[in-house]
């Protein structure tokens, strides 16, 4: 893996966090290992500024004067290495020119504060799904009760782009490892011609790059650093107590499919669980669509309807029967073509 693109001494001070040390900096979000702050680019990087180390990809975009940035800073000392590894992963991914179509643009690694500099994209898919759910509750109609809460056209667009993004990651030997609605940011499209949002993957702190392009289950060089039960595949639950437990391309597919269930019904498929242990038990069973159909908005994932048809092969409990990302995209396009 390449070393990360590091902001050199002449450029790392060119951003300023919003707020102040005395009154508190403006926080955009929290994670298991980090806090994300809002910042502003306060100077133009000189054209002679060199990326370090020299092997860093030239495709990494430089922020412009006044641009709003997100600064991901370690929340504790044991997060330093995790954020450094994430910077390495993002540097590697940005060496592929199409990366900015699928992942939040990464601007560099601030060695002085062990922080990552990225585009600020305020809206995540989880928040958007909740807002759409509230809107459908306030404007209930039997005409749309079988459609995703965000609407069929938007859901199809999000699903198509996210599956394409997963294909990009997996084809470049990257397992994300923690796909969920809060790790998908929605960049607004202002051209008036395309869909309202472009979904972009973020938070690669659990990601890993596997060596062999034909296999992602080789001996891992890192252990699981984060786990979100609602989006964890059954086989990953089974192997959790093993020292070699590791996220795979198959568990990524499963996690994205559950994420798209959330985008369809506006909440977790296990939202009906009264206790955390009950939720864990439900998640372990691998019957996501069954539980989702029992939820308040269950009509939106009914058997034979669009969402169920598009997701069922990606939600197979048996990992050997589960679609790969390219297989999923092919099936998805066939299904959507038949519906339109």
Protein backbone atom coordinates (compact mmCIF):
# COMPACT_ATOMS: atom_id res chain seq x y z
CA UNK A 1 0.00 0.00 0.00
CA UNK A 2 1.25 3.49 -0.80
CA UNK A 3 2.12 5.90 1.99
CA UNK A 4 -0.51 8.61 2.39
CA UNK A 5 -0.47 11.96 0.70
CA UNK A 6 0.84 14.15 3.52
CA UNK A 7 0.22 17.87 3.80
CA UNK A 8 3.72 19.31 3.86
CA UNK A 9 4.80 21.97 6.40
CA UNK A 10 3.99 24.81 4.00
CA UNK A 11 0.40 23.74 3.49
CA UNK A 12 -0.97 22.03 6.58
CA UNK A 13 -1.82 25.38 8.22
CA UNK A 14 -3.89 26.50 5.25
CA UNK A 15 -7.14 25.37 6.84
CA UNK A 16 -8.83 26.62 9.97
CA UNK A 17 -11.42 24.80 12.06
CA UNK A 18 -14.75 26.58 12.48
CA UNK A 19 -15.19 27.89 16.01
CA UNK A 20 -12.44 28.30 18.58
CA UNK A 21 -10.59 26.35 21.22
CA UNK A 22 -12.29 28.33 23.98
CA UNK A 23 -15.87 28.18 22.68
CA UNK A 24 -15.55 24.81 21.01
CA UNK A 25 -14.99 23.75 17.42
CA UNK A 26 -17.92 22.96 15.15
CA UNK A 27 -18.39 19.21 15.07
CA UNK A 28 -19.87 17.49 12.01
CA UNK A 29 -19.88 13.98 13.45
CA UNK A 30 -18.37 11.37 15.70
CA UNK A 31 -17.06 7.87 15.03
CA UNK A 32 -15.62 5.03 17.04
CA UNK A 33 -12.10 6.40 16.59
CA UNK A 34 -12.49 10.00 15.53
CA UNK A 35 -14.28 13.33 15.59
CA UNK A 36 -15.01 15.19 12.36
CA UNK A 37 -14.76 18.98 12.47
CA UNK A 38 -15.87 21.66 10.05
CA UNK A 39 -13.01 23.74 8.63
CA UNK A 40 -12.37 26.39 5.99
CA UNK A 41 -9.52 26.54 3.48
CA UNK A 42 -7.87 29.91 4.17
CA UNK A 43 -5.17 30.13 1.47
CA UNK A 44 -4.43 28.94 -2.02
CA UNK A 45 -1.82 26.17 -2.14
CA UNK A 46 1.16 27.44 -4.20
CA UNK A 47 1.60 25.73 -7.55
CA UNK A 48 5.11 24.70 -6.57
CA UNK A 49 3.90 22.77 -3.53
CA UNK A 50 4.93 19.16 -3.93
CA UNK A 51 2.97 16.21 -2.64
CA UNK A 52 4.92 14.06 -0.22
CA UNK A 53 5.92 11.34 -0.52
CA UNK A 54 6.56 11.57 -4.32
CA UNK A 55 4.57 8.38 -4.95
CA UNK A 56 1.33 10.05 -3.85
CA UNK A 57 -1.16 10.16 -6.75
CA UNK A 58 -1.41 13.41 -8.65
CA UNK A 59 -5.17 12.90 -8.87
CA UNK A 60 -5.73 13.99 -5.25
CA UNK A 61 -7.64 17.27 -5.52
CA UNK A 62 -6.40 20.40 -3.75
CA UNK A 63 -8.96 22.46 -1.83
CA UNK A 64 -9.63 25.99 -3.05
CA UNK A 65 -9.76 29.21 -1.08
CA UNK A 66 -12.88 29.40 1.08
CA UNK A 67 -13.86 25.77 0.51
CA UNK A 68 -15.60 24.08 3.43
CA UNK A 69 -13.66 21.01 4.53
CA UNK A 70 -14.16 18.14 6.93
CA UNK A 71 -11.20 17.42 9.21
CA UNK A 72 -11.24 13.92 10.67
CA UNK A 73 -9.15 13.97 13.85
CA UNK A 74 -8.32 11.09 16.21
CA UNK A 75 -10.51 10.99 19.31
CA UNK A 76 -7.84 9.16 21.32
CA UNK A 77 -4.21 8.16 20.98
CA UNK A 78 -4.84 4.56 19.95
CA UNK A 79 -6.62 5.94 16.86
CA UNK A 80 -3.46 7.46 15.36
CA UNK A 81 -2.46 4.32 13.48
CA UNK A 82 -6.03 3.68 12.36
CA UNK A 83 -6.34 7.13 10.79
CA UNK A 84 -2.90 6.78 9.22
CA UNK A 85 -3.98 3.47 7.66
CA UNK A 86 -7.17 5.12 6.46
CA UNK A 87 -5.08 7.84 4.80
CA UNK A 88 -3.06 5.10 3.08
CA UNK A 89 -6.25 3.46 1.83
CA UNK A 90 -7.66 6.74 0.53
CA UNK A 91 -4.39 7.59 -1.18
CA UNK A 92 -4.38 4.21 -2.90
CA UNK A 93 -8.01 4.56 -4.00
CA UNK A 94 -7.45 8.09 -5.30
CA UNK A 95 -4.68 6.77 -7.53
CA UNK A 96 -7.58 5.57 -9.71
CA UNK A 97 -9.06 8.50 -11.60
CA UNK A 98 -12.70 7.45 -11.12
CA UNK A 99 -12.42 7.39 -7.31
CA UNK A 100 -14.07 10.80 -6.86
CA UNK A 101 -17.22 9.41 -8.48
CA UNK A 102 -17.73 7.00 -5.61
CA UNK A 103 -15.88 8.15 -2.48
CA UNK A 104 -15.75 11.47 -0.67
CA UNK A 105 -12.78 13.43 -2.11
CA UNK A 106 -9.69 13.20 0.10
CA UNK A 107 -7.27 16.16 0.14
CA UNK A 108 -4.46 14.93 2.33
CA UNK A 109 -3.08 13.82 5.66
CA UNK A 110 -2.04 16.42 8.23
CA UNK A 111 0.97 14.89 9.98
CA UNK A 112 0.97 17.56 12.68
CA UNK A 113 -2.43 16.53 14.01
CA UNK A 114 -2.74 13.02 12.52
CA UNK A 115 -5.88 14.23 10.71
CA UNK A 116 -7.50 13.63 7.35
CA UNK A 117 -8.73 16.50 5.15
CA UNK A 118 -11.78 15.80 2.99
CA UNK A 119 -14.69 17.49 1.30
CA UNK A 120 -17.46 18.42 3.72
CA UNK A 121 -20.71 16.72 2.71
CA UNK A 122 -23.26 17.41 5.48
CA UNK A 123 -26.06 14.97 4.61
CA UNK A 124 -25.79 11.21 5.14
CA UNK A 125 -28.12 8.53 3.82
CA UNK A 126 -29.41 7.59 7.28
CA UNK A 127 -30.55 11.13 8.02
CA UNK A 128 -32.06 11.47 4.56
CA UNK A 129 -34.00 8.21 4.97
CA UNK A 130 -35.44 9.42 8.29
CA UNK A 131 -36.51 12.71 6.71
CA UNK A 132 -38.18 10.83 3.86
CA UNK A 133 -39.94 8.57 6.37
CA UNK A 134 -41.34 11.59 8.22
CA UNK A 135 -42.56 13.05 4.94
CA UNK A 136 -44.36 9.83 3.96
CA UNK A 137 -45.97 9.60 7.40
CA UNK A 138 -47.19 13.18 7.09
CA UNK A 139 -48.49 12.59 3.56
CA UNK A 140 -49.59 8.97 3.58
CA UNK A 141 -51.10 7.63 0.36
CA UNK A 142 -52.17 4.13 -0.59
CA UNK A 143 -50.93 4.96 -4.08
CA UNK A 144 -47.30 5.08 -2.90
CA UNK A 145 -47.38 2.67 0.05
CA UNK A 146 -45.42 0.03 -1.88
CA UNK A 147 -42.70 2.48 -2.99
CA UNK A 148 -39.48 3.26 -1.10
CA UNK A 149 -39.89 6.21 1.27
CA UNK A 150 -37.51 8.26 -0.89
CA UNK A 151 -39.48 7.40 -4.02
CA UNK A 152 -38.82 4.63 -6.58
CA UNK A 153 -36.76 6.74 -8.99
CA UNK A 154 -34.44 8.11 -6.31
CA UNK A 155 -34.07 4.69 -4.67
CA UNK A 156 -33.14 3.08 -7.99
CA UNK A 157 -30.61 5.83 -8.67
CA UNK A 158 -29.00 5.50 -5.23
CA UNK A 159 -28.90 1.70 -5.49
CA UNK A 160 -27.36 1.76 -8.97
CA UNK A 161 -24.65 4.27 -8.01
CA UNK A 162 -23.82 2.53 -4.73
CA UNK A 163 -23.50 -0.87 -6.39
CA UNK A 164 -21.23 0.75 -9.00
CA UNK A 165 -19.18 2.20 -6.16
CA UNK A 166 -18.89 -1.21 -4.54
CA UNK A 167 -17.73 -2.69 -7.83
CA UNK A 168 -15.08 0.05 -7.99
CA UNK A 169 -13.84 -0.74 -4.48
CA UNK A 170 -13.79 -4.51 -4.92
CA UNK A 171 -12.21 -4.40 -8.38
CA UNK A 172 -9.41 -2.37 -6.80
CA UNK A 173 -8.98 -4.92 -4.00
CA UNK A 174 -10.60 -2.82 -1.28
CA UNK A 175 -13.07 -4.14 1.30
CA UNK A 176 -14.85 -1.24 3.01
CA UNK A 177 -15.70 -3.20 6.14
CA UNK A 178 -18.33 -0.89 7.68
CA UNK A 179 -20.97 0.00 5.09
CA UNK A 180 -24.06 1.58 6.65
CA UNK A 181 -26.29 4.62 5.99
CA UNK A 182 -24.19 6.99 8.13
CA UNK A 183 -21.09 6.06 6.10
CA UNK A 184 -22.72 7.10 2.84
CA UNK A 185 -22.83 10.84 2.22
CA UNK A 186 -25.16 12.48 -0.29
CA UNK A 187 -23.66 15.20 -2.45
CA UNK A 188 -26.36 17.48 -3.94
CA UNK A 189 -26.55 17.72 -7.71
CA UNK A 190 -27.34 21.24 -8.84
CA UNK A 191 -27.41 20.70 -12.59
CA UNK A 192 -31.17 20.10 -12.70
CA UNK A 193 -30.63 17.24 -15.13
CA UNK A 194 -29.57 14.35 -12.90
CA UNK A 195 -30.95 12.89 -9.71
CA UNK A 196 -30.96 15.02 -6.57
CA UNK A 197 -27.96 13.31 -4.95
CA UNK A 198 -24.78 11.46 -5.72
CA UNK A 199 -24.04 8.93 -2.94
CA UNK A 200 -20.41 8.70 -1.83
CA UNK A 201 -18.71 6.22 0.47
CA UNK A 202 -16.85 7.59 3.47
CA UNK A 203 -15.13 6.36 6.67
CA UNK A 204 -12.54 3.84 5.52
CA UNK A 205 -11.18 3.26 9.03
CA UNK A 206 -12.29 -0.39 8.85
CA UNK A 207 -11.20 -0.90 5.25
CA UNK A 208 -8.46 -3.21 4.07
CA UNK A 209 -6.66 -3.83 0.81
CA UNK A 210 -6.33 -7.52 -0.04
CA UNK A 211 -3.37 -8.75 -2.05
CA UNK A 212 -4.87 -11.30 -4.44
CA UNK A 213 -7.45 -9.90 -6.84
CA UNK A 214 -9.04 -13.36 -7.10
CA UNK A 215 -9.56 -13.81 -3.37
CA UNK A 216 -10.36 -11.55 -0.42
CA UNK A 217 -10.30 -14.20 2.32
CA UNK A 218 -6.53 -14.61 2.55
CA UNK A 219 -4.77 -14.26 5.90
CA UNK A 220 -5.68 -10.72 7.04
CA UNK A 221 -3.02 -8.23 8.03
CA UNK A 222 -5.44 -6.41 10.35
CA UNK A 223 -8.30 -7.32 12.64
CA UNK A 224 -11.80 -5.90 12.73
CA UNK A 225 -11.73 -2.38 14.15
CA UNK A 226 -15.47 -1.64 14.06
CA UNK A 227 -18.71 -3.52 13.72
CA UNK A 228 -22.30 -2.32 13.35
CA UNK A 229 -24.61 -5.26 14.17
CA UNK A 230 -27.57 -4.15 12.01
CA UNK A 231 -25.37 -4.36 8.90
CA UNK A 232 -23.23 -7.37 9.81
CA UNK A 233 -23.55 -10.51 7.69
CA UNK A 234 -24.42 -13.86 9.34
CA UNK A 235 -21.05 -15.44 8.49
CA UNK A 236 -19.21 -12.51 10.06
CA UNK A 237 -21.25 -12.90 13.24
CA UNK A 238 -20.24 -16.57 13.32
CA UNK A 239 -16.52 -15.80 13.06
CA UNK A 240 -16.39 -12.82 15.45
CA UNK A 241 -14.53 -14.68 18.20
CA UNK A 242 -11.86 -15.88 15.78
CA UNK A 243 -8.59 -13.90 15.73
CA UNK A 244 -8.70 -14.09 11.93
CA UNK A 245 -12.23 -12.67 11.59
CA UNK A 246 -12.22 -10.17 8.76
CA UNK A 247 -14.72 -8.34 6.59
CA UNK A 248 -14.92 -9.59 3.00
CA UNK A 249 -16.37 -8.50 -0.31
CA UNK A 250 -19.34 -10.77 0.47
CA UNK A 251 -19.99 -9.08 3.81
CA UNK A 252 -19.74 -5.70 2.05
CA UNK A 253 -22.45 -6.78 -0.41
CA UNK A 254 -24.69 -7.87 2.46
CA UNK A 255 -24.11 -4.61 4.38
CA UNK A 256 -24.96 -2.49 1.34
CA UNK A 257 -28.14 -4.49 0.74
CA UNK A 258 -29.26 -3.90 4.35
CA UNK A 259 -28.39 -0.22 3.88
CA UNK A 260 -30.69 -0.10 0.86
CA UNK A 261 -33.45 -1.71 2.94
CA UNK A 262 -33.07 1.23 5.34
CA UNK A 263 -33.27 3.63 2.38
CA UNK A 264 -36.53 1.91 1.38
CA UNK A 265 -38.31 1.81 4.77
CA UNK A 266 -36.65 4.76 6.52
CA UNK A 267 -35.41 2.83 9.54
CA UNK A 268 -33.55 -0.30 10.60
CA UNK A 269 -35.24 -3.58 9.67
CA UNK A 270 -34.77 -4.51 13.34
CA UNK A 271 -36.35 -1.33 14.72
CA UNK A 272 -39.11 -3.39 16.30
CA UNK A 273 -36.71 -5.06 18.72
CA UNK A 274 -37.43 -3.97 22.28
CA UNK A 275 -33.94 -4.79 23.57
CA UNK A 276 -30.44 -4.70 22.12
CA UNK A 277 -29.99 -8.44 22.65
CA UNK A 278 -33.16 -9.09 20.67
CA UNK A 279 -31.83 -6.94 17.83
CA UNK A 280 -28.56 -8.89 17.83
CA UNK A 281 -30.46 -12.16 17.71
CA UNK A 282 -32.55 -10.95 14.76
CA UNK A 283 -29.49 -9.72 12.88
CA UNK A 284 -27.70 -13.04 13.36
CA UNK A 285 -30.57 -14.90 11.69
CA UNK A 286 -29.93 -13.28 8.32
CA UNK A 287 -33.65 -12.74 7.55
CA UNK A 288 -33.47 -9.04 6.86
CA UNK A 289 -36.43 -8.80 4.47
CA UNK A 290 -38.64 -10.95 6.72
CA UNK A 291 -38.08 -8.61 9.65
CA UNK A 292 -38.39 -5.52 7.46
CA UNK A 293 -41.81 -6.70 6.25
CA UNK A 294 -42.95 -6.81 9.89
CA UNK A 295 -41.97 -3.16 10.39
CA UNK A 296 -44.24 -0.12 10.13
CA UNK A 297 -43.25 0.45 6.49
CA UNK A 298 -43.11 -3.24 5.57
CA UNK A 299 -45.28 -2.83 2.47
CA UNK A 300 -42.33 -1.14 0.79
CA UNK A 301 -40.31 -4.38 0.75
CA UNK A 302 -43.14 -6.83 0.00
CA UNK A 303 -42.35 -10.01 -1.93
CA UNK A 304 -42.45 -9.52 -5.66
CA UNK A 305 -42.10 -5.75 -5.43
CA UNK A 306 -39.13 -3.79 -6.77
CA UNK A 307 -37.03 -3.48 -3.60
CA UNK A 308 -37.34 -7.16 -2.66
CA UNK A 309 -36.48 -8.30 -6.17
CA UNK A 310 -33.45 -6.03 -6.35
CA UNK A 311 -32.03 -7.04 -2.96
CA UNK A 312 -32.87 -10.68 -2.29
CA UNK A 313 -29.81 -12.19 -4.02
CA UNK A 314 -27.49 -9.81 -2.16
CA UNK A 315 -29.11 -10.77 1.15
CA UNK A 316 -28.64 -14.52 0.82
CA UNK A 317 -27.72 -15.98 4.20
CA UNK A 318 -25.53 -18.59 2.51
CA UNK A 319 -22.45 -16.68 1.44
CA UNK A 320 -21.87 -19.17 -1.39
CA UNK A 321 -25.23 -18.23 -2.92
CA UNK A 322 -24.89 -14.48 -2.36
CA UNK A 323 -24.29 -12.33 -5.43
CA UNK A 324 -20.97 -10.62 -5.97
CA UNK A 325 -21.16 -6.88 -6.66
CA UNK A 326 -20.89 -7.32 -10.49
CA UNK A 327 -23.49 -10.12 -10.44
CA UNK A 328 -25.75 -7.96 -8.33
CA UNK A 329 -25.50 -5.05 -10.76
CA UNK A 330 -26.35 -7.30 -13.70
CA UNK A 331 -29.38 -8.72 -11.89
CA UNK A 332 -30.42 -5.26 -10.74
CA UNK A 333 -30.36 -3.84 -14.27
CA UNK A 334 -32.36 -6.78 -15.61
CA UNK A 335 -35.01 -6.33 -12.91
CA UNK A 336 -35.27 -2.57 -13.33
CA UNK A 337 -35.45 -2.89 -17.13
CA UNK A 338 -38.38 -5.26 -16.71
CA UNK A 339 -40.15 -2.86 -14.35
CA UNK A 340 -39.77 0.24 -16.53
